[in-house]
Amino acid sequence: MSIQAASRGTDARDADALAAETGRLAPFGQALLGQGLFGQGGHEPYARSLPLGLGCLTLHPASACHETIGPVHFNVLGWSAPATASERELLRTLRGPVLDVGCGPGRMLQAARELGLASLGVDSSPAAVRLASDRGGAAILGSIFDPVPHEQGWGSALLLDGNIGIGGNIRVLLERVASLLAPGGQVLAEAEGPDFLDVAYLAVLEDSDGRASAAFPWARAGAKALALHAARAGLDTAVTRTVQDRVFLTLERRP
């Protein structure tokens, strides 16, 4: 698949300035940490697994009332490994600077930096932010719903690896991300396979030894459902791509 590169706006020379701005900020959203956030609380399976970079984590409904919603399996090695060639091609289509929402251990931040794109990650997990920083990325601890540096100035935002589910309300999440973008900014969002999948529920994350997190709000959507949420949030679907069995939507902020 050939993907054409878009103009980038802010380039790698701005990364130092962005990192300096980030370094002046105290961690935010601390009152929420461990309360209803992905994989946190309980037996902390996310924080336990990330430093190892191995194993499988399973996300499933916290209540039997939602047992018809199937589980989602995450390969921790995939989160820790470098970005794939396909993911790097997708990054080349984006304008900078890039905000990685739910950046995890920073693999996409590393890829963006290598491609000359200034980038910043936001994640609610202290373990993830430490790993992203150790990898050389600029990352801050907190919620995307709290103040973020460079508001209304981001060229692009990433919602990959299931992160469209953050907060359990896709429209509200996309409205918040859209508010952070510069005019004409883009969101690269990953959808699930079934086009009209659209569910929101309380979930838990569990490792292979049965150690589970506290419950947290989560959402999942297929491409058609995600496009509808995006339209309600003021974002137009510019392109939908299927790459190696993964579905990506490029959403553009309306003028």
C-alpha atoms as a PDB file:
ATOM      1  CA  MET A   1       0.000   0.000   0.000  1.00  0.00           C
ATOM      2  CA  SER A   2       1.291   3.436  -0.942  1.00  0.00           C
ATOM      3  CA  ILE A   3       0.402   6.333   1.313  1.00  0.00           C
ATOM      4  CA  GLN A   4       1.199   9.896   0.333  1.00  0.00           C
ATOM      5  CA  ALA A   5       2.848  12.126   2.911  1.00  0.00           C
ATOM      6  CA  ALA A   6       1.073  15.307   3.993  1.00  0.00           C
ATOM      7  CA  SER A   7       2.797  18.546   4.944  1.00  0.00           C
ATOM      8  CA  ARG A   8       3.946  18.391   8.542  1.00  0.00           C
ATOM      9  CA  GLY A   9       3.743  21.923   9.869  1.00  0.00           C
ATOM     10  CA  THR A  10       5.923  21.624  12.984  1.00  0.00           C
ATOM     11  CA  ASP A  11       9.084  19.590  12.439  1.00  0.00           C
ATOM     12  CA  ALA A  12      11.632  17.914  14.671  1.00  0.00           C
ATOM     13  CA  ARG A  13      13.391  21.200  15.404  1.00  0.00           C
ATOM     14  CA  ASP A  14      10.368  22.177  17.498  1.00  0.00           C
ATOM     15  CA  ALA A  15      10.560  19.041  19.619  1.00  0.00           C
ATOM     16  CA  ASP A  16      13.041  20.531  22.080  1.00  0.00           C
ATOM     17  CA  ALA A  17      10.828  23.564  22.674  1.00  0.00           C
ATOM     18  CA  LEU A  18       7.805  21.338  23.149  1.00  0.00           C
ATOM     19  CA  ALA A  19       9.678  19.120  25.589  1.00  0.00           C
ATOM     20  CA  ALA A  20      10.874  22.184  27.493  1.00  0.00           C
ATOM     21  CA  GLU A  21       7.288  23.416  27.825  1.00  0.00           C
ATOM     22  CA  THR A  22       6.236  19.983  29.026  1.00  0.00           C
ATOM     23  CA  GLY A  23       9.052  19.851  31.562  1.00  0.00           C
ATOM     24  CA  ARG A  24       7.739  22.988  33.253  1.00  0.00           C
ATOM     25  CA  LEU A  25       4.370  21.361  33.919  1.00  0.00           C
ATOM     26  CA  ALA A  26       3.575  19.460  37.090  1.00  0.00           C
ATOM     27  CA  PRO A  27       1.848  16.105  36.549  1.00  0.00           C
ATOM     28  CA  PHE A  28      -1.866  16.736  36.225  1.00  0.00           C
ATOM     29  CA  GLY A  29      -5.015  14.749  36.882  1.00  0.00           C
ATOM     30  CA  GLN A  30      -3.467  13.107  39.923  1.00  0.00           C
ATOM     31  CA  ALA A  31      -6.748  13.091  41.815  1.00  0.00           C
ATOM     32  CA  LEU A  32      -8.091  10.626  39.264  1.00  0.00           C
ATOM     33  CA  LEU A  33      -5.161   8.219  39.146  1.00  0.00           C
ATOM     34  CA  GLY A  34      -6.119   4.697  40.099  1.00  0.00           C
ATOM     35  CA  GLN A  35      -9.839   5.557  40.007  1.00  0.00           C
ATOM     36  CA  GLY A  36     -11.570   4.179  36.951  1.00  0.00           C
ATOM     37  CA  LEU A  37      -8.543   4.309  34.625  1.00  0.00           C
ATOM     38  CA  PHE A  38      -7.386   1.677  32.167  1.00  0.00           C
ATOM     39  CA  GLY A  39      -5.797  -1.306  33.899  1.00  0.00           C
ATOM     40  CA  GLN A  40      -5.220   0.549  37.176  1.00  0.00           C
ATOM     41  CA  GLY A  41      -6.280  -0.233  40.716  1.00  0.00           C
ATOM     42  CA  GLY A  42      -6.895  -3.739  42.018  1.00  0.00           C
ATOM     43  CA  HIS A  43      -3.853  -5.895  41.320  1.00  0.00           C
ATOM     44  CA  GLU A  44      -2.386  -3.376  38.824  1.00  0.00           C
ATOM     45  CA  PRO A  45      -1.979  -5.805  35.900  1.00  0.00           C
ATOM     46  CA  TYR A  46      -1.060  -3.036  33.458  1.00  0.00           C
ATOM     47  CA  ALA A  47       1.731  -1.571  35.589  1.00  0.00           C
ATOM     48  CA  ARG A  48       3.034  -5.079  36.354  1.00  0.00           C
ATOM     49  CA  SER A  49       3.152  -6.158  32.707  1.00  0.00           C
ATOM     50  CA  LEU A  50       4.504  -3.065  30.975  1.00  0.00           C
ATOM     51  CA  PRO A  51       8.085  -3.129  32.344  1.00  0.00           C
ATOM     52  CA  LEU A  52       8.375  -6.810  31.375  1.00  0.00           C
ATOM     53  CA  GLY A  53       7.171  -6.139  27.842  1.00  0.00           C
ATOM     54  CA  LEU A  54       5.734  -9.658  27.673  1.00  0.00           C
ATOM     55  CA  GLY A  55       2.514 -11.543  28.259  1.00  0.00           C
ATOM     56  CA  CYS A  56      -1.135 -11.153  27.397  1.00  0.00           C
ATOM     57  CA  LEU A  57      -3.722  -8.910  29.005  1.00  0.00           C
ATOM     58  CA  THR A  58      -7.442  -9.439  28.549  1.00  0.00           C
ATOM     59  CA  LEU A  59     -10.105  -6.762  28.746  1.00  0.00           C
ATOM     60  CA  HIS A  60     -13.603  -7.985  29.541  1.00  0.00           C
ATOM     61  CA  PRO A  61     -16.826  -6.663  31.083  1.00  0.00           C
ATOM     62  CA  ALA A  62     -16.776  -6.156  34.828  1.00  0.00           C
ATOM     63  CA  SER A  63     -20.351  -7.392  35.154  1.00  0.00           C
ATOM     64  CA  ALA A  64     -22.111 -10.536  33.996  1.00  0.00           C
ATOM     65  CA  CYS A  65     -24.827  -8.208  32.700  1.00  0.00           C
ATOM     66  CA  HIS A  66     -22.557  -7.517  29.718  1.00  0.00           C
ATOM     67  CA  GLU A  67     -21.301 -11.049  29.194  1.00  0.00           C
ATOM     68  CA  THR A  68     -22.421 -10.977  25.547  1.00  0.00           C
ATOM     69  CA  ILE A  69     -19.626  -8.455  24.883  1.00  0.00           C
ATOM     70  CA  GLY A  70     -16.594 -10.500  23.954  1.00  0.00           C
ATOM     71  CA  PRO A  71     -13.137 -10.075  25.466  1.00  0.00           C
ATOM     72  CA  VAL A  72     -10.288  -8.132  23.904  1.00  0.00           C
ATOM     73  CA  HIS A  73      -6.806  -9.630  24.079  1.00  0.00           C
ATOM     74  CA  PHE A  74      -3.740  -7.380  24.130  1.00  0.00           C
ATOM     75  CA  ASN A  75      -0.222  -8.585  23.401  1.00  0.00           C
ATOM     76  CA  VAL A  76       2.063  -6.575  25.674  1.00  0.00           C
ATOM     77  CA  LEU A  77       5.011  -7.275  23.374  1.00  0.00           C
ATOM     78  CA  GLY A  78       3.136  -5.447  20.606  1.00  0.00           C
ATOM     79  CA  TRP A  79       2.847  -2.352  22.801  1.00  0.00           C
ATOM     80  CA  SER A  80       6.552  -2.469  23.605  1.00  0.00           C
ATOM     81  CA  ALA A  81       7.946  -3.316  20.168  1.00  0.00           C
ATOM     82  CA  PRO A  82       8.936  -0.597  17.674  1.00  0.00           C
ATOM     83  CA  ALA A  83       6.218   0.749  15.400  1.00  0.00           C
ATOM     84  CA  THR A  84       5.581  -1.447  12.389  1.00  0.00           C
ATOM     85  CA  ALA A  85       6.379  -0.369   8.841  1.00  0.00           C
ATOM     86  CA  SER A  86       2.650   0.139   8.217  1.00  0.00           C
ATOM     87  CA  GLU A  87       2.260   2.314  11.297  1.00  0.00           C
ATOM     88  CA  ARG A  88       5.213   4.429  10.212  1.00  0.00           C
ATOM     89  CA  GLU A  89       3.598   4.862   6.784  1.00  0.00           C
ATOM     90  CA  LEU A  90       0.437   6.076   8.483  1.00  0.00           C
ATOM     91  CA  LEU A  91       2.450   8.534  10.578  1.00  0.00           C
ATOM     92  CA  ARG A  92       3.935   9.961   7.377  1.00  0.00           C
ATOM     93  CA  THR A  93       0.460  11.089   6.315  1.00  0.00           C
ATOM     94  CA  LEU A  94       0.056  13.305   9.388  1.00  0.00           C
ATOM     95  CA  ARG A  95       0.908  16.904  10.145  1.00  0.00           C
ATOM     96  CA  GLY A  96       2.953  17.792  13.189  1.00  0.00           C
ATOM     97  CA  PRO A  97       3.094  18.305  16.052  1.00  0.00           C
ATOM     98  CA  VAL A  98       1.510  14.981  17.018  1.00  0.00           C
ATOM     99  CA  LEU A  99      -0.309  14.287  20.297  1.00  0.00           C
ATOM    100  CA  ASP A 100      -0.380  10.576  21.203  1.00  0.00           C
ATOM    101  CA  VAL A 101      -3.427  10.046  23.435  1.00  0.00           C
ATOM    102  CA  GLY A 102      -2.785   7.055  25.692  1.00  0.00           C
ATOM    103  CA  CYS A 103       0.811   6.779  24.520  1.00  0.00           C
ATOM    104  CA  GLY A 104       1.675   3.702  26.606  1.00  0.00           C
ATOM    105  CA  PRO A 105       5.404   2.928  26.627  1.00  0.00           C
ATOM    106  CA  GLY A 106       6.038   5.337  23.771  1.00  0.00           C
ATOM    107  CA  ARG A 107       6.608   3.298  20.619  1.00  0.00           C
ATOM    108  CA  MET A 108       4.664   5.710  18.410  1.00  0.00           C
ATOM    109  CA  LEU A 109       6.432   8.683  19.996  1.00  0.00           C
ATOM    110  CA  GLN A 110       9.737   7.077  19.079  1.00  0.00           C
ATOM    111  CA  ALA A 111       8.573   6.501  15.497  1.00  0.00           C
ATOM    112  CA  ALA A 112       7.301  10.073  15.159  1.00  0.00           C
ATOM    113  CA  ARG A 113      10.612  11.441  16.389  1.00  0.00           C
ATOM    114  CA  GLU A 114      12.522   9.285  13.900  1.00  0.00           C
ATOM    115  CA  LEU A 115      10.299  10.628  11.113  1.00  0.00           C
ATOM    116  CA  GLY A 116      11.001  14.231  12.089  1.00  0.00           C
ATOM    117  CA  LEU A 117       7.647  14.932  13.743  1.00  0.00           C
ATOM    118  CA  ALA A 118       7.528  16.757  17.060  1.00  0.00           C
ATOM    119  CA  SER A 119       5.360  14.735  19.401  1.00  0.00           C
ATOM    120  CA  LEU A 120       4.034  14.496  22.932  1.00  0.00           C
ATOM    121  CA  GLY A 121       2.364  11.594  24.715  1.00  0.00           C
ATOM    122  CA  VAL A 122      -0.317  11.712  27.404  1.00  0.00           C
ATOM    123  CA  ASP A 123      -1.014   8.685  29.584  1.00  0.00           C
ATOM    124  CA  SER A 124      -2.667   8.104  32.955  1.00  0.00           C
ATOM    125  CA  SER A 125      -0.258   5.288  33.889  1.00  0.00           C
ATOM    126  CA  PRO A 126       2.932   6.323  35.733  1.00  0.00           C
ATOM    127  CA  ALA A 127       4.609   3.108  34.535  1.00  0.00           C
ATOM    128  CA  ALA A 128       3.807   3.906  30.901  1.00  0.00           C
ATOM    129  CA  VAL A 129       5.042   7.493  31.165  1.00  0.00           C
ATOM    130  CA  ARG A 130       8.320   6.344  32.734  1.00  0.00           C
ATOM    131  CA  LEU A 131       8.902   3.847  29.936  1.00  0.00           C
ATOM    132  CA  ALA A 132       8.033   6.385  27.236  1.00  0.00           C
ATOM    133  CA  SER A 133      10.463   8.880  28.789  1.00  0.00           C
ATOM    134  CA  ASP A 134      13.184   6.237  29.073  1.00  0.00           C
ATOM    135  CA  ARG A 135      12.686   5.630  25.363  1.00  0.00           C
ATOM    136  CA  GLY A 136      13.492   9.269  24.665  1.00  0.00           C
ATOM    137  CA  GLY A 137       9.946  10.509  24.144  1.00  0.00           C
ATOM    138  CA  ALA A 138       8.249  13.532  25.679  1.00  0.00           C
ATOM    139  CA  ALA A 139       5.348  12.251  27.772  1.00  0.00           C
ATOM    140  CA  ILE A 140       3.232  13.671  30.566  1.00  0.00           C
ATOM    141  CA  LEU A 141       1.191  11.973  33.253  1.00  0.00           C
ATOM    142  CA  GLY A 142      -2.529  12.635  33.366  1.00  0.00           C
ATOM    143  CA  SER A 143      -5.898  12.534  31.666  1.00  0.00           C
ATOM    144  CA  ILE A 144      -6.619  13.846  28.188  1.00  0.00           C
ATOM    145  CA  PHE A 145      -9.587  15.640  29.775  1.00  0.00           C
ATOM    146  CA  ASP A 146      -7.277  17.815  31.887  1.00  0.00           C
ATOM    147  CA  PRO A 147      -5.311  20.800  30.522  1.00  0.00           C
ATOM    148  CA  VAL A 148      -2.790  19.781  27.861  1.00  0.00           C
ATOM    149  CA  PRO A 149       0.133  21.848  26.533  1.00  0.00           C
ATOM    150  CA  HIS A 150      -0.288  23.553  23.153  1.00  0.00           C
ATOM    151  CA  GLU A 151      -4.115  23.396  23.178  1.00  0.00           C
ATOM    152  CA  GLN A 152      -5.646  24.241  19.778  1.00  0.00           C
ATOM    153  CA  GLY A 153      -2.200  23.891  18.229  1.00  0.00           C
ATOM    154  CA  TRP A 154      -1.831  20.178  17.535  1.00  0.00           C
ATOM    155  CA  GLY A 155      -1.544  19.187  13.899  1.00  0.00           C
ATOM    156  CA  SER A 156      -2.584  15.595  14.586  1.00  0.00           C
ATOM    157  CA  ALA A 157      -3.655  13.274  17.375  1.00  0.00           C
ATOM    158  CA  LEU A 158      -3.379   9.500  17.681  1.00  0.00           C
ATOM    159  CA  LEU A 159      -6.021   7.178  19.141  1.00  0.00           C
ATOM    160  CA  LEU A 160      -4.535   3.765  18.408  1.00  0.00           C
ATOM    161  CA  ASP A 161      -4.420   0.304  20.012  1.00  0.00           C
ATOM    162  CA  GLY A 162      -7.953   0.529  21.397  1.00  0.00           C
ATOM    163  CA  ASN A 163      -7.532   4.004  22.887  1.00  0.00           C
ATOM    164  CA  ILE A 164     -10.766   5.166  21.251  1.00  0.00           C
ATOM    165  CA  GLY A 165     -12.313   3.567  24.355  1.00  0.00           C
ATOM    166  CA  ILE A 166     -10.746   5.995  26.846  1.00  0.00           C
ATOM    167  CA  GLY A 167     -13.381   7.383  29.214  1.00  0.00           C
ATOM    168  CA  GLY A 168     -16.171   5.134  27.975  1.00  0.00           C
ATOM    169  CA  ASN A 169     -17.789   7.783  25.746  1.00  0.00           C
ATOM    170  CA  ILE A 170     -16.395   7.997  22.212  1.00  0.00           C
ATOM    171  CA  ARG A 171     -18.202  11.172  21.184  1.00  0.00           C
ATOM    172  CA  VAL A 172     -17.043  13.054  24.297  1.00  0.00           C
ATOM    173  CA  LEU A 173     -13.475  11.814  23.784  1.00  0.00           C
ATOM    174  CA  LEU A 174     -13.452  12.918  20.140  1.00  0.00           C
ATOM    175  CA  GLU A 175     -14.933  16.306  21.051  1.00  0.00           C
ATOM    176  CA  ARG A 176     -12.116  16.810  23.539  1.00  0.00           C
ATOM    177  CA  VAL A 177      -9.429  15.727  21.083  1.00  0.00           C
ATOM    178  CA  ALA A 178     -10.923  17.925  18.352  1.00  0.00           C
ATOM    179  CA  SER A 179     -10.746  20.905  20.721  1.00  0.00           C
ATOM    180  CA  LEU A 180      -6.987  20.382  21.013  1.00  0.00           C
ATOM    181  CA  LEU A 181      -6.336  20.455  17.262  1.00  0.00           C
ATOM    182  CA  ALA A 182      -5.259  23.365  15.123  1.00  0.00           C
ATOM    183  CA  PRO A 183      -7.607  24.325  12.265  1.00  0.00           C
ATOM    184  CA  GLY A 184      -7.489  21.526   9.704  1.00  0.00           C
ATOM    185  CA  GLY A 185      -5.975  19.150  12.265  1.00  0.00           C
ATOM    186  CA  GLN A 186      -6.408  15.399  11.976  1.00  0.00           C
ATOM    187  CA  VAL A 187      -7.090  12.422  14.234  1.00  0.00           C
ATOM    188  CA  LEU A 188      -5.759   8.987  13.309  1.00  0.00           C
ATOM    189  CA  ALA A 189      -8.127   6.619  15.106  1.00  0.00           C
ATOM    190  CA  GLU A 190      -8.223   2.830  15.104  1.00  0.00           C
ATOM    191  CA  ALA A 191     -11.554   0.998  14.881  1.00  0.00           C
ATOM    192  CA  GLU A 192     -12.440  -2.641  15.436  1.00  0.00           C
ATOM    193  CA  GLY A 193     -13.443  -5.097  12.726  1.00  0.00           C
ATOM    194  CA  PRO A 194     -17.273  -5.259  12.898  1.00  0.00           C
ATOM    195  CA  ASP A 195     -18.384  -2.014  11.198  1.00  0.00           C
ATOM    196  CA  PHE A 196     -21.342  -1.240  13.460  1.00  0.00           C
ATOM    197  CA  LEU A 197     -19.912  -2.425  16.770  1.00  0.00           C
ATOM    198  CA  ASP A 198     -20.782   0.311  19.287  1.00  0.00           C
ATOM    199  CA  VAL A 199     -20.669  -0.565  22.975  1.00  0.00           C
ATOM    200  CA  ALA A 200     -19.822   1.211  26.224  1.00  0.00           C
ATOM    201  CA  TYR A 201     -19.507  -0.563  29.564  1.00  0.00           C
ATOM    202  CA  LEU A 202     -17.491  -1.004  32.742  1.00  0.00           C
ATOM    203  CA  ALA A 203     -14.477  -3.207  32.055  1.00  0.00           C
ATOM    204  CA  VAL A 204     -11.590  -4.795  33.919  1.00  0.00           C
ATOM    205  CA  LEU A 205      -8.143  -5.735  32.663  1.00  0.00           C
ATOM    206  CA  GLU A 206      -6.731  -9.081  33.711  1.00  0.00           C
ATOM    207  CA  ASP A 207      -3.352 -10.762  33.225  1.00  0.00           C
ATOM    208  CA  SER A 208      -2.729 -14.420  32.458  1.00  0.00           C
ATOM    209  CA  ASP A 209      -2.457 -15.194  36.201  1.00  0.00           C
ATOM    210  CA  GLY A 210      -5.947 -13.837  36.861  1.00  0.00           C
ATOM    211  CA  ARG A 211      -4.816 -10.611  38.529  1.00  0.00           C
ATOM    212  CA  ALA A 212      -7.442  -8.007  37.665  1.00  0.00           C
ATOM    213  CA  SER A 213      -7.622  -4.229  37.779  1.00  0.00           C
ATOM    214  CA  ALA A 214     -10.377  -2.157  39.280  1.00  0.00           C
ATOM    215  CA  ALA A 215     -13.336  -1.495  36.981  1.00  0.00           C
ATOM    216  CA  PHE A 216     -13.096   1.421  34.548  1.00  0.00           C
ATOM    217  CA  PRO A 217     -15.388   2.859  31.837  1.00  0.00           C
ATOM    218  CA  TRP A 218     -14.539   1.701  28.330  1.00  0.00           C
ATOM    219  CA  ALA A 219     -15.976   1.789  24.809  1.00  0.00           C
ATOM    220  CA  ARG A 220     -15.453  -0.041  21.519  1.00  0.00           C
ATOM    221  CA  ALA A 221     -16.514   0.875  17.995  1.00  0.00           C
ATOM    222  CA  GLY A 222     -16.298  -0.392  14.435  1.00  0.00           C
ATOM    223  CA  ALA A 223     -15.535   1.886  11.507  1.00  0.00           C
ATOM    224  CA  LYS A 224     -19.128   2.887  10.671  1.00  0.00           C
ATOM    225  CA  ALA A 225     -20.032   3.552  14.295  1.00  0.00           C
ATOM    226  CA  LEU A 226     -16.800   5.480  14.859  1.00  0.00           C
ATOM    227  CA  ALA A 227     -17.495   7.654  11.809  1.00  0.00           C
ATOM    228  CA  LEU A 228     -20.941   8.507  13.221  1.00  0.00           C
ATOM    229  CA  HIS A 229     -19.459   9.450  16.595  1.00  0.00           C
ATOM    230  CA  ALA A 230     -16.839  11.551  14.806  1.00  0.00           C
ATOM    231  CA  ALA A 231     -19.465  13.428  12.796  1.00  0.00           C
ATOM    232  CA  ARG A 232     -21.314  14.320  15.998  1.00  0.00           C
ATOM    233  CA  ALA A 233     -18.004  15.543  17.453  1.00  0.00           C
ATOM    234  CA  GLY A 234     -17.296  17.910  14.554  1.00  0.00           C
ATOM    235  CA  LEU A 235     -14.885  15.640  12.682  1.00  0.00           C
ATOM    236  CA  ASP A 236     -15.228  14.456   9.091  1.00  0.00           C
ATOM    237  CA  THR A 237     -13.970  11.048   7.999  1.00  0.00           C
ATOM    238  CA  ALA A 238     -11.432  11.748   5.244  1.00  0.00           C
ATOM    239  CA  VAL A 239     -10.006   8.256   4.696  1.00  0.00           C
ATOM    240  CA  THR A 240     -10.668   4.736   5.975  1.00  0.00           C
ATOM    241  CA  ARG A 241      -7.836   2.240   5.533  1.00  0.00           C
ATOM    242  CA  THR A 242      -7.497  -1.442   6.315  1.00  0.00           C
ATOM    243  CA  VAL A 243      -3.863  -2.350   6.917  1.00  0.00           C
ATOM    244  CA  GLN A 244      -2.862  -5.866   7.980  1.00  0.00           C
ATOM    245  CA  ASP A 245      -6.341  -6.572   9.385  1.00  0.00           C
ATOM    246  CA  ARG A 246      -6.408  -3.295  11.332  1.00  0.00           C
ATOM    247  CA  VAL A 247      -8.860  -0.520  10.464  1.00  0.00           C
ATOM    248  CA  PHE A 248      -7.781   3.127  10.653  1.00  0.00           C
ATOM    249  CA  LEU A 249      -9.834   6.278  10.124  1.00  0.00           C
ATOM    250  CA  THR A 250      -8.334   9.674   9.377  1.00  0.00           C
ATOM    251  CA  LEU A 251     -10.689  12.257  10.859  1.00  0.00           C
ATOM    252  CA  GLU A 252     -10.397  15.941  10.024  1.00  0.00           C
ATOM    253  CA  ARG A 253     -11.519  18.868  12.153  1.00  0.00           C
ATOM    254  CA  ARG A 254     -14.112  20.998  10.431  1.00  0.00           C
ATOM    255  CA  PRO A 255     -13.164  24.639   9.763  1.00  0.00           C
END
